[in-house]
Amino acid sequence: MSEHDGVAHLGDIETALRREVDIVRERFPDAPGAEVEQVVRDTYNELLDHAEVETHVLSLTRHRVVEQLVERGYTLHEPVLSED
């Protein structure tokens, strides 16, 4: 689909993608950072290309990236929650 609702463009999508890369890298410390970044960006762009509505593309990206990295043999580490 070539036309989107523009939601992702209301904010700074580059900042949002970098944040996603950081979050995924924390959860996959054994995966090379460059690979994580490439998977995040490729997945986001693929989902965006097929989206009729952009609203949830970024949130769907993380789920798909996690699946792909697990399929590639990397171990998912759950985030450590502080006990404040």
N, C-alpha and C. Protein backbone atom coordinates (compact mmCIF):
# COMPACT_ATOMS: atom_id res chain seq x y z
N MET A 1 0.85 -1.17 0.00
CA MET A 1 0.00 0.00 0.00
C MET A 1 0.89 1.23 0.00
N SER A 2 0.59 2.18 -0.81
CA SER A 2 1.45 3.34 -0.93
C SER A 2 1.00 4.51 -0.07
N GLU A 3 -0.26 4.58 0.32
CA GLU A 3 -0.72 5.69 1.15
C GLU A 3 -0.92 5.21 2.56
N HIS A 4 -0.46 6.02 3.51
CA HIS A 4 -0.60 5.71 4.92
C HIS A 4 -1.28 6.86 5.61
N ASP A 5 -1.73 6.64 6.84
CA ASP A 5 -2.44 7.68 7.56
C ASP A 5 -1.51 8.73 8.17
N GLY A 6 -0.21 8.53 8.08
CA GLY A 6 0.74 9.53 8.52
C GLY A 6 1.03 9.56 10.00
N VAL A 7 0.46 8.67 10.79
CA VAL A 7 0.64 8.70 12.24
C VAL A 7 2.10 8.60 12.63
N ALA A 8 2.83 7.70 12.03
CA ALA A 8 4.24 7.52 12.39
C ALA A 8 5.05 8.78 12.13
N HIS A 9 4.60 9.59 11.22
CA HIS A 9 5.35 10.78 10.85
C HIS A 9 5.04 11.97 11.74
N LEU A 10 4.07 11.84 12.65
CA LEU A 10 3.76 12.93 13.56
C LEU A 10 4.87 13.11 14.59
N GLY A 11 5.54 12.03 14.95
CA GLY A 11 6.64 12.10 15.89
C GLY A 11 7.94 11.86 15.17
N ASP A 12 8.98 11.71 15.94
CA ASP A 12 10.29 11.46 15.38
C ASP A 12 10.50 9.95 15.28
N ILE A 13 10.23 9.40 14.13
CA ILE A 13 10.29 7.96 13.95
C ILE A 13 11.72 7.45 14.09
N GLU A 14 12.69 8.24 13.72
CA GLU A 14 14.09 7.82 13.85
C GLU A 14 14.45 7.60 15.32
N THR A 15 14.01 8.52 16.17
CA THR A 15 14.25 8.37 17.61
C THR A 15 13.53 7.13 18.14
N ALA A 16 12.32 6.92 17.68
CA ALA A 16 11.55 5.75 18.12
C ALA A 16 12.22 4.45 17.68
N LEU A 17 12.74 4.42 16.47
CA LEU A 17 13.43 3.21 16.00
C LEU A 17 14.72 2.96 16.77
N ARG A 18 15.45 4.01 17.08
CA ARG A 18 16.67 3.84 17.88
C ARG A 18 16.34 3.31 19.27
N ARG A 19 15.23 3.77 19.83
CA ARG A 19 14.79 3.26 21.14
C ARG A 19 14.45 1.79 21.05
N GLU A 20 13.76 1.40 19.99
CA GLU A 20 13.43 -0.01 19.80
C GLU A 20 14.70 -0.85 19.68
N VAL A 21 15.67 -0.36 18.93
CA VAL A 21 16.94 -1.07 18.79
C VAL A 21 17.58 -1.25 20.16
N ASP A 22 17.60 -0.20 20.97
CA ASP A 22 18.19 -0.28 22.31
C ASP A 22 17.47 -1.30 23.18
N ILE A 23 16.15 -1.28 23.14
CA ILE A 23 15.36 -2.22 23.95
C ILE A 23 15.63 -3.66 23.52
N VAL A 24 15.63 -3.90 22.22
CA VAL A 24 15.86 -5.26 21.72
C VAL A 24 17.29 -5.71 22.03
N ARG A 25 18.25 -4.81 21.91
CA ARG A 25 19.64 -5.17 22.22
C ARG A 25 19.79 -5.58 23.68
N GLU A 26 19.07 -4.91 24.57
CA GLU A 26 19.10 -5.30 25.99
C GLU A 26 18.56 -6.70 26.19
N ARG A 27 17.57 -7.06 25.41
CA ARG A 27 16.94 -8.38 25.56
C ARG A 27 17.68 -9.48 24.82
N PHE A 28 18.56 -9.10 23.91
CA PHE A 28 19.38 -10.06 23.16
C PHE A 28 20.84 -9.63 23.22
N PRO A 29 21.46 -9.69 24.40
CA PRO A 29 22.84 -9.21 24.53
C PRO A 29 23.85 -10.02 23.72
N ASP A 30 23.49 -11.25 23.35
CA ASP A 30 24.42 -12.07 22.56
C ASP A 30 24.31 -11.82 21.06
N ALA A 31 23.33 -11.04 20.63
CA ALA A 31 23.16 -10.74 19.21
C ALA A 31 23.99 -9.50 18.85
N PRO A 32 24.67 -9.53 17.73
CA PRO A 32 25.44 -8.35 17.30
C PRO A 32 24.53 -7.14 17.14
N GLY A 33 24.97 -6.00 17.65
CA GLY A 33 24.17 -4.78 17.60
C GLY A 33 23.77 -4.38 16.19
N ALA A 34 24.68 -4.52 15.25
CA ALA A 34 24.39 -4.15 13.87
C ALA A 34 23.28 -5.05 13.29
N GLU A 35 23.31 -6.32 13.66
CA GLU A 35 22.27 -7.23 13.18
C GLU A 35 20.91 -6.86 13.77
N VAL A 36 20.89 -6.56 15.06
CA VAL A 36 19.64 -6.15 15.70
C VAL A 36 19.09 -4.90 15.03
N GLU A 37 19.94 -3.92 14.81
CA GLU A 37 19.47 -2.69 14.17
C GLU A 37 18.92 -2.97 12.78
N GLN A 38 19.59 -3.79 12.01
CA GLN A 38 19.13 -4.10 10.66
C GLN A 38 17.78 -4.82 10.69
N VAL A 39 17.63 -5.77 11.61
CA VAL A 39 16.37 -6.51 11.71
C VAL A 39 15.24 -5.57 12.12
N VAL A 40 15.50 -4.69 13.06
CA VAL A 40 14.46 -3.74 13.49
C VAL A 40 14.04 -2.85 12.32
N ARG A 41 15.00 -2.28 11.63
CA ARG A 41 14.68 -1.37 10.53
C ARG A 41 14.00 -2.10 9.36
N ASP A 42 14.52 -3.26 9.01
CA ASP A 42 13.91 -4.03 7.92
C ASP A 42 12.48 -4.44 8.26
N THR A 43 12.29 -4.90 9.49
CA THR A 43 10.96 -5.35 9.91
C THR A 43 9.98 -4.18 9.93
N TYR A 44 10.40 -3.06 10.49
CA TYR A 44 9.54 -1.87 10.52
C TYR A 44 9.14 -1.47 9.10
N ASN A 45 10.12 -1.39 8.21
CA ASN A 45 9.83 -0.98 6.82
C ASN A 45 8.93 -1.98 6.11
N GLU A 46 9.13 -3.26 6.36
CA GLU A 46 8.27 -4.28 5.74
C GLU A 46 6.83 -4.14 6.23
N LEU A 47 6.68 -3.99 7.55
CA LEU A 47 5.33 -3.82 8.09
C LEU A 47 4.68 -2.54 7.58
N LEU A 48 5.46 -1.48 7.51
CA LEU A 48 4.94 -0.20 7.03
C LEU A 48 4.50 -0.29 5.58
N ASP A 49 5.26 -1.01 4.77
CA ASP A 49 4.91 -1.16 3.36
C ASP A 49 3.56 -1.84 3.16
N HIS A 50 3.17 -2.69 4.11
CA HIS A 50 1.93 -3.45 3.96
C HIS A 50 0.81 -2.93 4.85
N ALA A 51 1.06 -1.86 5.58
CA ALA A 51 0.07 -1.35 6.53
C ALA A 51 -0.93 -0.44 5.85
N GLU A 52 -2.18 -0.60 6.23
CA GLU A 52 -3.20 0.34 5.79
C GLU A 52 -3.29 1.49 6.79
N VAL A 53 -2.96 1.19 8.04
CA VAL A 53 -2.95 2.18 9.11
C VAL A 53 -1.63 2.03 9.84
N GLU A 54 -0.93 3.13 10.05
CA GLU A 54 0.40 3.08 10.65
C GLU A 54 0.41 3.03 12.17
N THR A 55 -0.69 3.24 12.80
CA THR A 55 -0.76 3.43 14.24
C THR A 55 0.02 2.40 15.05
N HIS A 56 -0.08 1.14 14.71
CA HIS A 56 0.53 0.09 15.53
C HIS A 56 1.76 -0.55 14.90
N VAL A 57 2.26 0.00 13.83
CA VAL A 57 3.39 -0.61 13.13
C VAL A 57 4.61 -0.72 14.04
N LEU A 58 4.93 0.33 14.77
CA LEU A 58 6.11 0.30 15.63
C LEU A 58 5.96 -0.75 16.74
N SER A 59 4.79 -0.84 17.35
CA SER A 59 4.61 -1.84 18.41
C SER A 59 4.63 -3.26 17.86
N LEU A 60 4.15 -3.47 16.67
CA LEU A 60 4.22 -4.79 16.04
C LEU A 60 5.65 -5.17 15.67
N THR A 61 6.44 -4.17 15.40
CA THR A 61 7.83 -4.40 14.99
C THR A 61 8.59 -5.18 16.05
N ARG A 62 8.50 -4.76 17.31
CA ARG A 62 9.27 -5.42 18.37
C ARG A 62 8.91 -6.90 18.46
N HIS A 63 7.64 -7.21 18.42
CA HIS A 63 7.21 -8.61 18.51
C HIS A 63 7.80 -9.44 17.38
N ARG A 64 7.74 -8.92 16.17
CA ARG A 64 8.28 -9.64 15.01
C ARG A 64 9.79 -9.79 15.10
N VAL A 65 10.47 -8.74 15.56
CA VAL A 65 11.93 -8.79 15.69
C VAL A 65 12.33 -9.84 16.71
N VAL A 66 11.64 -9.89 17.83
CA VAL A 66 11.94 -10.89 18.86
C VAL A 66 11.78 -12.28 18.27
N GLU A 67 10.70 -12.52 17.55
CA GLU A 67 10.50 -13.83 16.91
C GLU A 67 11.64 -14.17 15.98
N GLN A 68 12.06 -13.20 15.16
CA GLN A 68 13.11 -13.46 14.18
C GLN A 68 14.45 -13.76 14.85
N LEU A 69 14.78 -13.02 15.91
CA LEU A 69 16.05 -13.25 16.58
C LEU A 69 16.07 -14.60 17.30
N VAL A 70 14.95 -14.99 17.88
CA VAL A 70 14.86 -16.32 18.50
C VAL A 70 15.02 -17.39 17.43
N GLU A 71 14.38 -17.21 16.28
CA GLU A 71 14.52 -18.17 15.18
C GLU A 71 15.97 -18.27 14.70
N ARG A 72 16.72 -17.19 14.82
CA ARG A 72 18.13 -17.18 14.42
C ARG A 72 19.03 -17.80 15.49
N GLY A 73 18.44 -18.19 16.62
CA GLY A 73 19.20 -18.89 17.64
C GLY A 73 19.69 -18.04 18.80
N TYR A 74 19.28 -16.77 18.85
CA TYR A 74 19.69 -15.92 19.95
C TYR A 74 18.76 -16.13 21.14
N THR A 75 19.29 -15.93 22.34
CA THR A 75 18.52 -16.16 23.56
C THR A 75 17.89 -14.86 24.04
N LEU A 76 16.58 -14.91 24.29
CA LEU A 76 15.85 -13.77 24.81
C LEU A 76 16.06 -13.69 26.31
N HIS A 77 16.51 -12.54 26.78
CA HIS A 77 16.67 -12.28 28.21
C HIS A 77 15.58 -11.31 28.62
N GLU A 78 14.76 -11.73 29.58
CA GLU A 78 13.69 -10.87 30.05
C GLU A 78 14.28 -9.68 30.80
N PRO A 79 13.65 -8.51 30.69
CA PRO A 79 14.16 -7.34 31.40
C PRO A 79 14.12 -7.55 32.91
N VAL A 80 15.11 -7.00 33.59
CA VAL A 80 15.17 -7.08 35.05
C VAL A 80 14.38 -5.92 35.61
N LEU A 81 13.41 -6.23 36.44
CA LEU A 81 12.59 -5.19 37.05
C LEU A 81 13.20 -4.81 38.39
N SER A 82 13.29 -3.52 38.64
CA SER A 82 13.84 -3.07 39.92
C SER A 82 12.80 -3.25 41.00
N GLU A 83 13.28 -3.42 42.22
CA GLU A 83 12.38 -3.64 43.35
C GLU A 83 12.25 -2.39 44.19
N ASP A 84 12.16 -1.24 43.58
CA ASP A 84 12.05 0.03 44.32
C ASP A 84 10.81 0.12 45.12
